[in-house]
Amino acid sequence: MSIIGVPIYIYAHGITVADVILFGFWSLATGLAITVGYHRLLAHRAFKAHPVVVFLSLFFGAAAFEESALQWTSQHRDHHKYVDTDRDPYNIKQGFFYAHIGWILFHNHPIDYENVKDLQQNKFIMHQHQNYLFWAVGAGILLPLLTGILWSNWLSAVLISVFARLTFVHHGTFFINSVCHYFGKPTYDIQSSAKDHWLVAFITNGEGYHSFHHRFPSDYRNGHKWYHWDPSKWVIALMDRVGLTWDLKHVSKFQILAARITAERALVESYLSCHSHTVRVAALENLKVRYEQLKQVLYAWELHVKEYAVLCREAQAKSELVKSALKRAHDARRTF
């Protein structure tokens, strides 16, 4: 319907500002419900949230037609636990198409809800799970249709706010399972197929920093740097400021740097495996020495930063001690 019906409709009738606004709203609302709600809040418990946030995540998440939050979370937790194995629901080793959409079309994975017992205590989550079709049709079809009738027309609402929007959001999610396990760079863990891909991050509200996410799944951020395109983390942080979310989990920059240099070392070792024995042995020995030196410098930097933080919290600490600790932290950073 999206491939054929939408282009024909736009060619025959054009597209209005209302169509674009409604498409954008429903794409953003349902997309964020998946990334912020289903994924980071429920699947990974990366932060805690007010019941209103949970309800909105369930409402617009149902409108995305990606199954109930309970089922989505159960399968996603299995993906992380069994990544790249036969028990991974969207195992990339079965092929790109399989990881993208084939696992939905051609394979019925058994779902063990034992891994989501923590969510089964929530009455909203269980009501959505037990009445999923009611939630999905009401939030994902009837409400967009109603808003389309009131603002635009029913046909454009069906084609653009429902079918085109579902296609866009679905394939955005599917790209994470396929593209981000096939293309990109394994920045933080080369043992996993997960990779960072900036374009997927742009399409999916920040979910494309997938190597980082698989290495640190409980971090509320996927793009950990300030300039990383991750609207999901910005929404979570904004809600934290107004009291709708709290206890945001995030790893320290030292853990991130340690993972990065470990992954870089593994990549270099893999590259050296193609060279002659003499070259490989000498290079690996030098790499080992340099890697250990870098780890020690990183550890010293972390200790100095922690020392500075402790002194800042102590009201009785002398300003000279604080300045000295800060200088040591800056020196350690420059050395690193």
Protein backbone atom coordinates (compact mmCIF):
# COMPACT_ATOMS: atom_id res chain seq x y z
CA MET A 1 0.00 0.00 0.00
CA SER A 2 2.81 2.44 0.90
CA ILE A 3 4.88 1.59 -2.19
CA ILE A 4 2.00 1.88 -4.65
CA GLY A 5 -0.85 3.79 -3.03
CA VAL A 6 1.09 6.70 -1.51
CA PRO A 7 2.98 7.74 -4.70
CA ILE A 8 -0.25 7.49 -6.77
CA TYR A 9 -2.14 9.60 -4.22
CA ILE A 10 0.57 12.26 -4.06
CA TYR A 11 0.80 12.37 -7.87
CA ALA A 12 -2.98 12.75 -8.22
CA HIS A 13 -3.77 15.03 -5.28
CA GLY A 14 -0.48 16.46 -4.09
CA ILE A 15 0.54 16.69 -0.46
CA THR A 16 -0.55 19.38 1.99
CA VAL A 17 1.18 20.96 4.97
CA ALA A 18 -1.31 19.12 7.19
CA ASP A 19 -0.26 15.80 5.68
CA VAL A 20 3.41 16.52 6.39
CA ILE A 21 2.72 17.67 9.97
CA LEU A 22 0.57 14.64 10.78
CA PHE A 23 3.11 12.26 9.24
CA GLY A 24 5.90 13.93 11.21
CA PHE A 25 3.97 13.88 14.48
CA TRP A 26 2.95 10.23 14.29
CA SER A 27 6.39 9.13 13.09
CA LEU A 28 8.12 11.00 15.91
CA ALA A 29 5.63 10.01 18.62
CA THR A 30 5.59 6.31 17.75
CA GLY A 31 9.32 6.22 17.02
CA LEU A 32 10.22 7.77 20.39
CA ALA A 33 7.76 5.47 22.15
CA ILE A 34 9.82 2.57 20.84
CA THR A 35 13.29 4.02 21.42
CA VAL A 36 12.66 5.81 24.72
CA GLY A 37 9.86 3.63 26.10
CA TYR A 38 10.02 0.06 24.83
CA HIS A 39 13.78 0.02 24.41
CA ARG A 40 15.65 2.13 26.94
CA LEU A 41 13.03 2.29 29.71
CA LEU A 42 11.45 -1.17 29.63
CA ALA A 43 13.95 -3.48 27.92
CA HIS A 44 17.10 -2.10 29.58
CA ARG A 45 15.75 -0.25 32.64
CA ALA A 46 18.20 2.55 31.83
CA PHE A 47 16.15 5.01 33.90
CA LYS A 48 13.00 5.23 35.99
CA ALA A 49 9.90 7.09 34.86
CA HIS A 50 6.62 8.53 36.03
CA PRO A 51 3.52 6.38 35.26
CA VAL A 52 2.44 9.03 32.72
CA VAL A 53 5.63 8.39 30.73
CA VAL A 54 5.05 4.63 30.93
CA PHE A 55 1.46 5.01 29.73
CA LEU A 56 2.41 7.28 26.80
CA SER A 57 5.16 4.83 25.83
CA LEU A 58 2.64 1.98 25.81
CA PHE A 59 0.01 4.02 23.94
CA PHE A 60 2.21 5.30 21.13
CA GLY A 61 4.29 2.11 21.20
CA ALA A 62 1.14 0.14 20.41
CA ALA A 63 0.45 2.61 17.60
CA ALA A 64 3.81 1.62 16.08
CA PHE A 65 2.49 -1.93 15.56
CA GLU A 66 5.68 -3.56 16.85
CA GLU A 67 3.84 -5.95 19.18
CA SER A 68 3.15 -5.46 22.88
CA ALA A 69 5.81 -3.97 25.12
CA LEU A 70 6.09 -7.27 27.01
CA GLN A 71 6.74 -9.32 23.86
CA TRP A 72 9.05 -6.68 22.33
CA THR A 73 11.08 -6.49 25.53
CA SER A 74 11.32 -10.26 25.94
CA GLN A 75 12.65 -10.73 22.42
CA HIS A 76 15.03 -7.79 22.73
CA ARG A 77 16.51 -9.08 25.97
CA ASP A 78 17.06 -12.43 24.26
CA HIS A 79 18.79 -10.58 21.42
CA HIS A 80 21.31 -9.08 23.82
CA LYS A 81 21.78 -12.26 25.83
CA TYR A 82 22.21 -14.56 22.83
CA VAL A 83 23.46 -12.12 20.17
CA ASP A 84 24.79 -13.79 17.00
CA THR A 85 23.62 -17.25 18.06
CA ASP A 86 20.65 -19.39 17.03
CA ARG A 87 18.74 -18.13 20.07
CA ASP A 88 19.06 -14.52 18.88
CA PRO A 89 15.62 -13.69 17.41
CA TYR A 90 17.14 -11.51 14.68
CA ASN A 91 20.48 -13.24 14.25
CA ILE A 92 22.55 -11.45 11.57
CA LYS A 93 24.42 -14.69 10.87
CA GLN A 94 21.24 -15.94 9.21
CA GLY A 95 21.67 -13.21 6.60
CA PHE A 96 20.91 -9.53 6.12
CA PHE A 97 17.33 -10.05 4.94
CA TYR A 98 16.61 -12.44 7.79
CA ALA A 99 17.84 -9.93 10.40
CA HIS A 100 15.93 -7.11 8.72
CA ILE A 101 12.48 -8.63 8.29
CA GLY A 102 12.80 -12.32 7.49
CA TRP A 103 12.71 -13.29 11.17
CA ILE A 104 9.19 -11.82 11.33
CA LEU A 105 7.92 -13.23 8.04
CA PHE A 106 9.34 -16.74 8.06
CA HIS A 107 10.28 -17.78 11.56
CA ASN A 108 8.15 -18.09 14.67
CA HIS A 109 10.41 -17.66 17.66
CA PRO A 110 9.24 -19.15 20.94
CA ILE A 111 8.88 -16.38 23.52
CA ASP A 112 9.85 -17.09 27.11
CA TYR A 113 8.31 -14.43 29.31
CA GLU A 114 10.44 -15.56 32.25
CA ASN A 115 12.92 -12.83 31.32
CA VAL A 116 10.37 -10.04 31.79
CA LYS A 117 8.94 -10.90 35.20
CA ASP A 118 9.89 -7.42 36.39
CA LEU A 119 7.47 -5.91 33.86
CA GLN A 120 4.60 -8.26 34.63
CA GLN A 121 3.97 -6.41 37.89
CA ASN A 122 2.87 -3.30 35.99
CA LYS A 123 -0.88 -3.23 35.32
CA PHE A 124 -0.58 -0.90 32.31
CA ILE A 125 1.97 -3.17 30.64
CA MET A 126 -0.13 -6.28 31.26
CA HIS A 127 -3.33 -4.60 30.05
CA GLN A 128 -1.61 -3.55 26.84
CA HIS A 129 -0.20 -7.06 26.37
CA GLN A 130 -3.52 -8.80 26.97
CA ASN A 131 -5.49 -6.32 24.85
CA TYR A 132 -2.81 -5.47 22.31
CA LEU A 133 -5.04 -5.38 19.22
CA PHE A 134 -7.42 -2.95 20.94
CA TRP A 135 -4.52 -0.65 21.87
CA ALA A 136 -2.84 -0.89 18.45
CA VAL A 137 -5.92 -0.31 16.31
CA GLY A 138 -7.22 2.49 18.54
CA ALA A 139 -3.91 4.35 18.85
CA GLY A 140 -2.34 3.45 15.52
CA ILE A 141 -5.25 3.57 13.06
CA LEU A 142 -8.43 5.12 14.47
CA LEU A 143 -6.82 8.13 16.16
CA PRO A 144 -4.61 9.07 13.15
CA LEU A 145 -7.67 8.61 10.94
CA LEU A 146 -9.74 10.89 13.19
CA THR A 147 -7.07 13.61 13.28
CA GLY A 148 -6.71 13.33 9.52
CA ILE A 149 -10.45 13.74 8.95
CA LEU A 150 -10.57 16.79 11.22
CA TRP A 151 -7.52 18.47 9.72
CA SER A 152 -7.04 17.08 6.24
CA ASN A 153 -9.02 14.19 4.67
CA TRP A 154 -9.57 10.55 5.49
CA LEU A 155 -7.73 9.12 2.45
CA SER A 156 -4.51 11.03 3.06
CA ALA A 157 -4.75 10.07 6.75
CA VAL A 158 -4.96 6.38 5.87
CA LEU A 159 -2.20 6.48 3.26
CA ILE A 160 0.25 8.94 4.84
CA SER A 161 -0.42 9.04 8.60
CA VAL A 162 -0.95 5.27 8.83
CA PHE A 163 0.61 3.25 5.99
CA ALA A 164 3.53 5.51 5.05
CA ARG A 165 4.29 6.25 8.70
CA LEU A 166 4.20 2.55 9.68
CA THR A 167 6.53 1.68 6.81
CA PHE A 168 9.01 4.40 7.79
CA VAL A 169 9.03 3.55 11.51
CA HIS A 170 9.11 -0.21 10.96
CA HIS A 171 12.04 -0.15 8.59
CA GLY A 172 13.86 2.26 10.88
CA THR A 173 13.63 -0.34 13.63
CA PHE A 174 14.55 -3.13 11.21
CA PHE A 175 17.64 -1.20 10.06
CA ILE A 176 19.02 -1.44 13.59
CA ASN A 177 18.77 -5.23 13.48
CA SER A 178 20.23 -5.51 9.97
CA VAL A 179 22.34 -2.51 8.93
CA CYS A 180 23.81 -1.95 12.41
CA HIS A 181 24.90 -5.60 12.56
CA TYR A 182 26.34 -5.61 9.04
CA PHE A 183 27.75 -2.18 8.17
CA GLY A 184 29.62 0.39 10.24
CA LYS A 185 32.38 0.15 12.81
CA PRO A 186 32.58 -2.09 15.91
CA THR A 187 33.89 0.85 17.92
CA TYR A 188 33.62 -0.65 21.40
CA ASP A 189 33.45 -4.43 21.02
CA ILE A 190 34.67 -6.40 18.00
CA GLN A 191 33.46 -9.69 19.50
CA SER A 192 29.87 -8.66 18.76
CA SER A 193 28.44 -8.00 15.30
CA ALA A 194 26.91 -4.73 16.55
CA LYS A 195 28.31 -1.65 14.82
CA ASP A 196 27.93 2.13 14.96
CA HIS A 197 26.21 3.65 11.90
CA TRP A 198 25.52 7.39 11.82
CA LEU A 199 22.82 7.28 9.14
CA VAL A 200 20.73 4.76 11.05
CA ALA A 201 21.17 6.93 14.16
CA PHE A 202 19.72 9.86 12.22
CA ILE A 203 16.71 7.84 11.02
CA THR A 204 15.96 6.15 14.36
CA ASN A 205 16.27 8.95 16.95
CA GLY A 206 19.77 7.93 17.98
CA GLU A 207 19.61 4.13 17.98
CA GLY A 208 22.34 3.70 15.37
CA TYR A 209 25.25 3.89 17.84
CA HIS A 210 24.82 0.17 18.20
CA SER A 211 28.33 -0.94 19.12
CA PHE A 212 28.20 1.40 22.10
CA HIS A 213 24.73 0.17 23.01
CA HIS A 214 25.69 -3.51 22.96
CA ARG A 215 28.79 -2.79 25.03
CA PHE A 216 26.86 -0.63 27.54
CA PRO A 217 23.19 -1.65 27.19
CA SER A 218 22.04 -0.08 30.46
CA ASP A 219 23.25 3.41 29.56
CA TYR A 220 20.31 5.72 28.82
CA ARG A 221 22.34 7.18 25.96
CA ASN A 222 23.25 5.49 22.70
CA GLY A 223 25.19 8.44 21.38
CA HIS A 224 27.30 9.29 24.42
CA LYS A 225 29.05 12.38 23.03
CA TRP A 226 27.27 15.73 23.15
CA TYR A 227 27.27 16.07 19.36
CA HIS A 228 25.97 12.55 18.67
CA TRP A 229 22.51 12.68 17.07
CA ASP A 230 20.41 11.03 19.78
CA PRO A 231 17.03 12.73 20.29
CA SER A 232 15.99 9.85 22.55
CA LYS A 233 18.64 10.75 25.15
CA TRP A 234 17.70 14.43 24.87
CA VAL A 235 14.05 13.62 25.56
CA ILE A 236 15.00 11.45 28.55
CA ALA A 237 17.31 14.16 29.92
CA LEU A 238 14.66 16.85 29.41
CA MET A 239 12.08 14.77 31.27
CA ASP A 240 14.63 14.31 34.04
CA ARG A 241 14.79 18.09 34.46
CA VAL A 242 11.04 18.31 35.03
CA GLY A 243 10.83 15.27 37.30
CA LEU A 244 9.24 12.79 34.87
CA THR A 245 12.34 10.57 34.75
CA TRP A 246 15.09 9.93 37.26
CA ASP A 247 18.00 7.59 38.12
CA LEU A 248 19.43 7.90 34.62
CA LYS A 249 22.15 5.28 34.25
CA HIS A 250 25.33 6.16 32.39
CA VAL A 251 28.82 4.74 32.33
CA SER A 252 31.85 6.93 33.00
CA LYS A 253 34.01 8.30 30.24
CA PHE A 254 36.83 6.14 31.59
CA GLN A 255 34.85 2.94 31.05
CA ILE A 256 34.06 4.13 27.54
CA LEU A 257 37.71 4.94 26.78
CA ALA A 258 38.83 1.58 28.21
CA ALA A 259 36.37 -0.24 25.96
CA ARG A 260 37.47 1.85 22.97
CA ILE A 261 41.19 1.15 23.34
CA THR A 262 40.51 -2.54 23.98
CA ALA A 263 38.50 -2.72 20.75
CA GLU A 264 41.20 -0.79 18.86
CA ARG A 265 43.83 -3.21 20.12
CA ALA A 266 41.77 -6.17 18.94
CA LEU A 267 41.33 -4.55 15.51
CA VAL A 268 45.08 -4.02 15.17
CA GLU A 269 45.77 -7.60 16.24
CA SER A 270 43.31 -8.81 13.62
CA TYR A 271 45.04 -6.69 10.98
CA LEU A 272 48.48 -8.01 11.96
CA SER A 273 47.33 -11.60 11.59
CA CYS A 274 47.63 -11.15 7.82
CA HIS A 275 51.35 -10.29 8.00
CA SER A 276 54.43 -12.49 8.21
CA HIS A 277 55.32 -14.21 11.47
CA THR A 278 58.40 -12.04 12.08
CA VAL A 279 56.54 -8.77 11.55
CA ARG A 280 53.53 -9.97 13.53
CA VAL A 281 55.51 -11.05 16.61
CA ALA A 282 57.49 -7.81 16.84
CA ALA A 283 54.43 -5.64 16.24
CA LEU A 284 52.29 -7.54 18.74
CA GLU A 285 54.94 -7.21 21.43
CA ASN A 286 55.19 -3.46 20.85
CA LEU A 287 51.39 -3.21 20.80
CA LYS A 288 51.15 -5.04 24.12
CA VAL A 289 53.63 -2.68 25.79
CA ARG A 290 51.93 0.44 24.42
CA TYR A 291 48.49 -0.85 25.37
CA GLU A 292 49.57 -1.49 28.97
CA GLN A 293 51.10 1.98 29.18
CA LEU A 294 47.90 3.53 27.87
CA LYS A 295 45.81 1.59 30.39
CA GLN A 296 48.01 2.79 33.25
CA VAL A 297 47.77 6.42 32.12
CA LEU A 298 43.98 6.11 31.80
CA TYR A 299 43.79 4.59 35.28
CA ALA A 300 45.90 7.42 36.75
CA TRP A 301 43.68 10.00 35.06
CA GLU A 302 40.58 8.39 36.53
CA LEU A 303 42.11 8.34 40.04
CA HIS A 304 43.02 12.03 39.86
CA VAL A 305 39.53 12.97 38.67
CA LYS A 306 37.97 10.99 41.53
CA GLU A 307 40.36 12.63 44.00
CA TYR A 308 39.35 16.07 42.72
CA ALA A 309 35.65 15.18 43.00
CA VAL A 310 36.08 14.03 46.61
CA LEU A 311 37.89 17.22 47.58
CA CYS A 312 35.21 19.35 45.95
CA ARG A 313 32.55 17.62 48.07
CA GLU A 314 34.49 18.23 51.28
CA ALA A 315 33.66 21.70 52.53
CA GLN A 316 36.74 21.79 54.76
CA ALA A 317 39.13 21.03 51.91
CA LYS A 318 41.63 23.82 51.31
CA SER A 319 41.48 25.59 47.98
CA GLU A 320 45.19 24.80 47.43
CA LEU A 321 44.46 21.08 47.66
CA VAL A 322 41.54 21.36 45.23
CA LYS A 323 43.64 23.34 42.74
CA SER A 324 46.47 20.83 43.04
CA ALA A 325 44.11 17.91 42.44
CA LEU A 326 42.60 19.66 39.44
CA LYS A 327 46.06 20.26 37.99
CA ARG A 328 46.96 16.59 38.38
CA ALA A 329 43.75 15.60 36.62
CA HIS A 330 44.48 18.00 33.73
CA ASP A 331 48.07 16.74 33.46
CA ALA A 332 46.88 13.13 33.38
CA ARG A 333 44.40 13.98 30.64
CA ARG A 334 47.11 15.62 28.52
CA THR A 335 49.36 12.61 29.02
CA PHE A 336 46.59 10.29 27.87
